N, C-alpha and C. Protein backbone atom coordinates (compact mmCIF):
# COMPACT_ATOMS: atom_id res chain seq x y z
N UNK A 1 105.97 111.75 162.99
CA UNK A 1 106.49 112.22 161.73
C UNK A 1 105.30 112.51 160.81
N UNK A 2 105.48 113.47 159.91
CA UNK A 2 104.47 113.75 158.90
C UNK A 2 104.87 113.05 157.61
N UNK A 3 103.88 112.75 156.77
CA UNK A 3 104.14 112.13 155.49
C UNK A 3 102.97 112.31 154.56
N UNK A 4 103.22 112.00 153.29
CA UNK A 4 102.17 112.04 152.27
C UNK A 4 102.09 110.66 151.63
N UNK A 5 100.88 110.16 151.46
CA UNK A 5 100.66 108.84 150.87
C UNK A 5 100.94 108.91 149.37
N UNK A 6 101.90 108.08 148.93
CA UNK A 6 102.24 108.01 147.50
C UNK A 6 101.43 106.95 146.78
N UNK A 7 101.11 105.88 147.47
CA UNK A 7 100.40 104.74 146.89
C UNK A 7 99.57 104.11 148.00
N UNK A 8 98.36 103.67 147.67
CA UNK A 8 97.50 103.02 148.67
C UNK A 8 96.74 101.88 148.02
N UNK A 9 96.60 100.80 148.75
CA UNK A 9 95.83 99.64 148.32
C UNK A 9 94.67 99.51 149.30
N UNK A 10 93.47 99.83 148.84
CA UNK A 10 92.30 99.83 149.71
C UNK A 10 91.92 98.42 150.15
N UNK A 11 92.07 97.45 149.27
CA UNK A 11 91.67 96.08 149.59
C UNK A 11 92.54 95.49 150.70
N UNK A 12 93.84 95.74 150.65
CA UNK A 12 94.76 95.18 151.65
C UNK A 12 95.12 96.17 152.75
N UNK A 13 94.60 97.39 152.67
CA UNK A 13 94.88 98.43 153.67
C UNK A 13 96.39 98.61 153.88
N UNK A 14 97.05 98.88 152.76
CA UNK A 14 98.50 99.12 152.78
C UNK A 14 98.77 100.45 152.10
N UNK A 15 99.93 101.04 152.40
CA UNK A 15 100.29 102.31 151.78
C UNK A 15 101.80 102.49 151.79
N UNK A 16 102.28 103.33 150.87
CA UNK A 16 103.68 103.75 150.81
C UNK A 16 103.67 105.25 151.06
N UNK A 17 104.58 105.71 151.91
CA UNK A 17 104.54 107.08 152.42
C UNK A 17 105.86 107.82 152.16
N UNK A 18 105.75 109.04 151.62
CA UNK A 18 106.88 109.96 151.46
C UNK A 18 106.99 110.70 152.79
N UNK A 19 108.14 110.67 153.42
CA UNK A 19 108.31 111.20 154.77
C UNK A 19 108.89 112.61 154.77
N UNK A 20 108.53 113.38 155.80
CA UNK A 20 108.98 114.77 155.89
C UNK A 20 110.49 114.90 156.03
N UNK A 21 111.17 113.87 156.51
CA UNK A 21 112.62 113.96 156.66
C UNK A 21 113.34 113.69 155.34
N UNK A 22 112.57 113.44 154.28
CA UNK A 22 113.09 113.21 152.93
C UNK A 22 114.02 111.98 152.88
N UNK A 23 113.88 111.10 153.87
CA UNK A 23 114.66 109.87 153.90
C UNK A 23 113.97 108.77 153.12
N UNK A 24 114.22 107.54 153.53
CA UNK A 24 113.60 106.40 152.87
C UNK A 24 112.08 106.46 153.03
N UNK A 25 111.38 105.83 152.09
CA UNK A 25 109.93 105.76 152.18
C UNK A 25 109.54 104.90 153.38
N UNK A 26 108.34 105.12 153.88
CA UNK A 26 107.80 104.30 154.97
C UNK A 26 106.64 103.49 154.41
N UNK A 27 106.40 102.35 155.03
CA UNK A 27 105.34 101.44 154.60
C UNK A 27 104.33 101.29 155.73
N UNK A 28 103.06 101.26 155.35
CA UNK A 28 101.98 101.07 156.30
C UNK A 28 101.18 99.85 155.90
N UNK A 29 100.92 98.99 156.87
CA UNK A 29 100.04 97.84 156.66
C UNK A 29 99.12 97.76 157.86
N UNK A 30 97.82 97.83 157.62
CA UNK A 30 96.86 97.82 158.72
C UNK A 30 97.01 96.56 159.57
N UNK A 31 97.39 95.44 158.96
CA UNK A 31 97.56 94.19 159.71
C UNK A 31 98.63 94.33 160.77
N UNK A 32 99.65 95.16 160.51
CA UNK A 32 100.72 95.37 161.48
C UNK A 32 100.30 96.37 162.55
N UNK A 33 99.24 97.11 162.29
CA UNK A 33 98.76 98.13 163.23
C UNK A 33 97.31 97.85 163.61
N UNK A 34 96.98 96.58 163.80
CA UNK A 34 95.59 96.16 164.01
C UNK A 34 94.94 96.85 165.20
N UNK A 35 95.70 97.18 166.21
CA UNK A 35 95.13 97.79 167.41
C UNK A 35 94.50 99.15 167.12
N UNK A 36 94.97 99.85 166.10
CA UNK A 36 94.45 101.18 165.82
C UNK A 36 93.21 101.17 164.94
N UNK A 37 92.85 100.03 164.39
CA UNK A 37 91.69 99.96 163.50
C UNK A 37 92.08 100.33 162.09
N UNK A 38 91.11 100.32 161.21
CA UNK A 38 91.36 100.57 159.80
C UNK A 38 91.41 102.07 159.51
N UNK A 39 92.52 102.52 158.99
CA UNK A 39 92.66 103.90 158.54
C UNK A 39 92.66 103.86 157.02
N UNK A 40 91.58 104.31 156.40
CA UNK A 40 91.50 104.31 154.94
C UNK A 40 92.31 105.45 154.37
N UNK A 41 93.41 105.13 153.73
CA UNK A 41 94.30 106.15 153.18
C UNK A 41 94.15 106.23 151.68
N UNK A 42 94.29 107.44 151.15
CA UNK A 42 94.25 107.69 149.72
C UNK A 42 95.51 108.42 149.29
N UNK A 43 95.86 108.28 148.03
CA UNK A 43 97.03 108.98 147.49
C UNK A 43 96.87 110.48 147.74
N UNK A 44 97.93 111.09 148.25
CA UNK A 44 97.93 112.52 148.51
C UNK A 44 97.53 112.92 149.91
N UNK A 45 97.05 111.97 150.72
CA UNK A 45 96.65 112.31 152.09
C UNK A 45 97.88 112.71 152.91
N UNK A 46 97.74 113.75 153.70
CA UNK A 46 98.76 114.14 154.66
C UNK A 46 98.46 113.39 155.95
N UNK A 47 99.46 112.68 156.46
CA UNK A 47 99.26 111.88 157.66
C UNK A 47 100.34 112.17 158.70
N UNK A 48 100.03 111.84 159.92
CA UNK A 48 101.00 111.86 161.00
C UNK A 48 101.10 110.44 161.51
N UNK A 49 102.31 110.00 161.82
CA UNK A 49 102.49 108.61 162.23
C UNK A 49 103.75 108.46 163.07
N UNK A 50 103.79 107.35 163.78
CA UNK A 50 105.02 106.95 164.48
C UNK A 50 105.78 106.06 163.52
N UNK A 51 107.09 106.27 163.44
CA UNK A 51 107.91 105.48 162.53
C UNK A 51 108.83 104.60 163.35
N UNK A 52 108.92 103.34 162.93
CA UNK A 52 109.88 102.43 163.53
C UNK A 52 110.60 101.69 162.43
N UNK A 53 111.79 101.27 162.74
CA UNK A 53 112.60 100.54 161.75
C UNK A 53 112.62 99.07 162.13
N UNK A 54 112.29 98.23 161.17
CA UNK A 54 112.37 96.78 161.33
C UNK A 54 113.26 96.27 160.21
N UNK A 55 114.39 95.71 160.58
CA UNK A 55 115.44 95.31 159.64
C UNK A 55 115.81 96.53 158.79
N UNK A 56 115.58 96.48 157.51
CA UNK A 56 115.92 97.61 156.63
C UNK A 56 114.69 98.38 156.17
N UNK A 57 113.58 98.24 156.88
CA UNK A 57 112.33 98.88 156.48
C UNK A 57 111.88 99.91 157.51
N UNK A 58 111.32 101.00 157.01
CA UNK A 58 110.67 101.98 157.87
C UNK A 58 109.19 101.67 157.85
N UNK A 59 108.60 101.45 159.01
CA UNK A 59 107.19 101.11 159.11
C UNK A 59 106.43 102.20 159.84
N UNK A 60 105.25 102.52 159.32
CA UNK A 60 104.40 103.55 159.93
C UNK A 60 103.39 102.87 160.84
N UNK A 61 103.18 103.45 162.01
CA UNK A 61 102.19 102.96 162.96
C UNK A 61 101.47 104.16 163.58
N UNK A 62 100.35 103.89 164.20
CA UNK A 62 99.54 104.95 164.83
C UNK A 62 99.27 106.07 163.84
N UNK A 63 98.79 105.70 162.68
CA UNK A 63 98.56 106.65 161.57
C UNK A 63 97.29 107.46 161.82
N UNK A 64 97.40 108.77 161.64
CA UNK A 64 96.25 109.68 161.70
C UNK A 64 96.26 110.55 160.46
N UNK A 65 95.12 110.63 159.79
CA UNK A 65 95.03 111.50 158.61
C UNK A 65 94.81 112.93 159.09
N UNK A 66 95.65 113.85 158.58
CA UNK A 66 95.54 115.27 158.91
C UNK A 66 94.86 116.06 157.80
N UNK A 67 95.01 115.59 156.56
CA UNK A 67 94.41 116.29 155.43
C UNK A 67 94.19 115.35 154.26
N UNK A 68 92.99 115.29 153.78
CA UNK A 68 92.66 114.44 152.63
C UNK A 68 93.05 115.17 151.35
N UNK A 69 93.79 114.47 150.45
CA UNK A 69 94.16 115.06 149.16
C UNK A 69 95.14 116.22 149.26
N UNK A 70 95.92 116.28 150.31
CA UNK A 70 96.86 117.39 150.58
C UNK A 70 97.87 117.58 149.44
N UNK A 71 98.40 116.49 148.93
CA UNK A 71 99.40 116.55 147.84
C UNK A 71 99.08 115.45 146.83
N UNK A 72 97.90 115.53 146.27
CA UNK A 72 97.39 114.50 145.36
C UNK A 72 98.29 114.30 144.13
N UNK A 73 98.98 115.35 143.69
CA UNK A 73 99.82 115.26 142.50
C UNK A 73 101.26 114.87 142.80
N UNK A 74 101.57 114.54 144.05
CA UNK A 74 102.95 114.20 144.40
C UNK A 74 103.51 113.02 143.60
N UNK A 75 102.80 111.90 143.45
CA UNK A 75 103.38 110.81 142.65
C UNK A 75 103.71 111.24 141.23
N UNK A 76 102.83 112.01 140.63
CA UNK A 76 103.07 112.52 139.27
C UNK A 76 104.30 113.44 139.24
N UNK A 77 104.42 114.29 140.24
CA UNK A 77 105.56 115.21 140.31
C UNK A 77 106.87 114.45 140.49
N UNK A 78 106.85 113.40 141.30
CA UNK A 78 108.07 112.60 141.50
C UNK A 78 108.47 111.88 140.22
N UNK A 79 107.47 111.33 139.50
CA UNK A 79 107.78 110.68 138.22
C UNK A 79 108.35 111.68 137.22
N UNK A 80 107.79 112.88 137.19
CA UNK A 80 108.28 113.91 136.27
C UNK A 80 109.70 114.30 136.63
N UNK A 81 109.99 114.42 137.91
CA UNK A 81 111.32 114.79 138.36
C UNK A 81 112.32 113.68 138.06
N UNK A 82 111.90 112.43 138.19
CA UNK A 82 112.79 111.31 137.88
C UNK A 82 113.10 111.27 136.38
N UNK A 83 112.12 111.63 135.56
CA UNK A 83 112.32 111.63 134.11
C UNK A 83 113.18 112.81 133.67
N UNK A 84 113.14 113.91 134.42
CA UNK A 84 113.88 115.12 134.06
C UNK A 84 114.44 115.75 135.32
N UNK A 85 115.52 115.18 135.89
CA UNK A 85 116.04 115.69 137.16
C UNK A 85 116.58 117.11 137.10
N UNK A 86 116.78 117.67 135.92
CA UNK A 86 117.27 119.04 135.82
C UNK A 86 116.16 120.05 136.11
N UNK A 87 114.93 119.60 136.16
CA UNK A 87 113.80 120.49 136.44
C UNK A 87 113.22 120.15 137.80
N UNK A 88 112.76 121.16 138.53
CA UNK A 88 112.11 120.87 139.80
C UNK A 88 110.74 120.30 139.49
N UNK A 89 110.30 119.39 140.31
CA UNK A 89 109.05 118.68 140.05
C UNK A 89 107.84 119.57 140.19
N UNK A 90 107.88 120.56 141.06
CA UNK A 90 106.68 121.35 141.29
C UNK A 90 106.58 122.56 140.39
N UNK A 91 107.71 123.11 139.92
CA UNK A 91 107.65 124.35 139.17
C UNK A 91 108.22 124.23 137.77
N UNK A 92 108.89 123.13 137.46
CA UNK A 92 109.45 122.96 136.13
C UNK A 92 110.58 123.93 135.82
N UNK A 93 111.19 124.52 136.85
CA UNK A 93 112.29 125.45 136.63
C UNK A 93 113.60 124.70 136.71
N UNK A 94 114.59 125.13 135.92
CA UNK A 94 115.90 124.49 135.96
C UNK A 94 116.62 124.85 137.25
N UNK A 95 117.28 123.85 137.81
CA UNK A 95 118.09 124.09 138.99
C UNK A 95 119.39 124.72 138.55
N UNK A 96 119.94 125.63 139.33
CA UNK A 96 121.21 126.25 138.96
C UNK A 96 122.31 125.20 138.91
N UNK A 97 123.02 125.13 137.79
CA UNK A 97 124.07 124.13 137.60
C UNK A 97 125.31 124.47 138.43
N UNK A 98 125.59 125.74 138.61
CA UNK A 98 126.81 126.15 139.29
C UNK A 98 126.73 125.95 140.79
N UNK A 99 125.54 126.01 141.34
CA UNK A 99 125.39 125.91 142.79
C UNK A 99 125.15 124.46 143.17
N UNK A 100 126.11 123.87 143.86
CA UNK A 100 125.97 122.50 144.33
C UNK A 100 125.62 122.56 145.80
N UNK A 101 124.63 121.77 146.18
CA UNK A 101 124.18 121.74 147.56
C UNK A 101 124.02 120.31 148.01
N UNK A 102 124.24 120.08 149.28
CA UNK A 102 124.04 118.75 149.83
C UNK A 102 122.57 118.49 150.12
N UNK A 103 121.74 119.54 150.13
CA UNK A 103 120.32 119.34 150.40
C UNK A 103 119.59 119.07 149.10
N UNK A 104 118.50 118.37 149.21
CA UNK A 104 117.66 118.06 148.06
C UNK A 104 116.42 118.94 148.17
N UNK A 105 115.93 119.40 147.02
CA UNK A 105 114.73 120.23 147.03
C UNK A 105 113.60 119.51 147.75
N UNK A 106 112.90 120.22 148.60
CA UNK A 106 111.74 119.68 149.28
C UNK A 106 110.54 120.01 148.41
N UNK A 107 110.04 119.04 147.68
CA UNK A 107 108.95 119.33 146.76
C UNK A 107 107.59 119.26 147.43
N UNK A 108 107.57 118.91 148.71
CA UNK A 108 106.31 118.90 149.46
C UNK A 108 106.49 119.80 150.67
N UNK A 109 105.69 120.86 150.77
CA UNK A 109 105.77 121.70 151.96
C UNK A 109 105.02 121.03 153.11
N UNK A 110 105.73 120.32 153.96
CA UNK A 110 105.08 119.61 155.07
C UNK A 110 104.68 120.62 156.13
N UNK A 111 103.44 121.05 156.04
CA UNK A 111 102.89 122.02 156.98
C UNK A 111 101.62 121.44 157.56
N UNK A 112 101.56 121.41 158.86
CA UNK A 112 100.38 120.88 159.54
C UNK A 112 99.19 121.80 159.27
N UNK A 113 98.06 121.26 158.77
CA UNK A 113 96.89 122.09 158.49
C UNK A 113 96.38 122.79 159.75
N UNK A 114 95.93 124.02 159.61
CA UNK A 114 95.40 124.74 160.76
C UNK A 114 93.98 124.28 161.04
N UNK A 115 93.57 124.48 162.27
CA UNK A 115 92.20 124.15 162.65
C UNK A 115 91.99 122.68 162.93
N UNK A 116 93.06 121.90 163.15
CA UNK A 116 92.85 120.48 163.38
C UNK A 116 93.59 120.06 164.53
């Protein structure tokens, strides 16, 4: 699965990840993935990972960084969208009120970088 790092703790090697399936967030802890070594993640990094569910949590394993700083402004965009859900987070345009859809706007274009 692809994802973008929303939050990262360098000291504890942990991260929270926005997933391409737009489902629940995934959590990464290097201690749970010790076999792969330390993957230093930063906010906005585009990553690829294996996802597994443990109880009610989605956990990321076998993390590989595909792009550094790919969506660095994503946390800010999500906060802006939460504060003003009538506007799209990336463009600030109003969503059409008359058109109801079961899909949610994908504010991150999950595209695998070329050349990697």
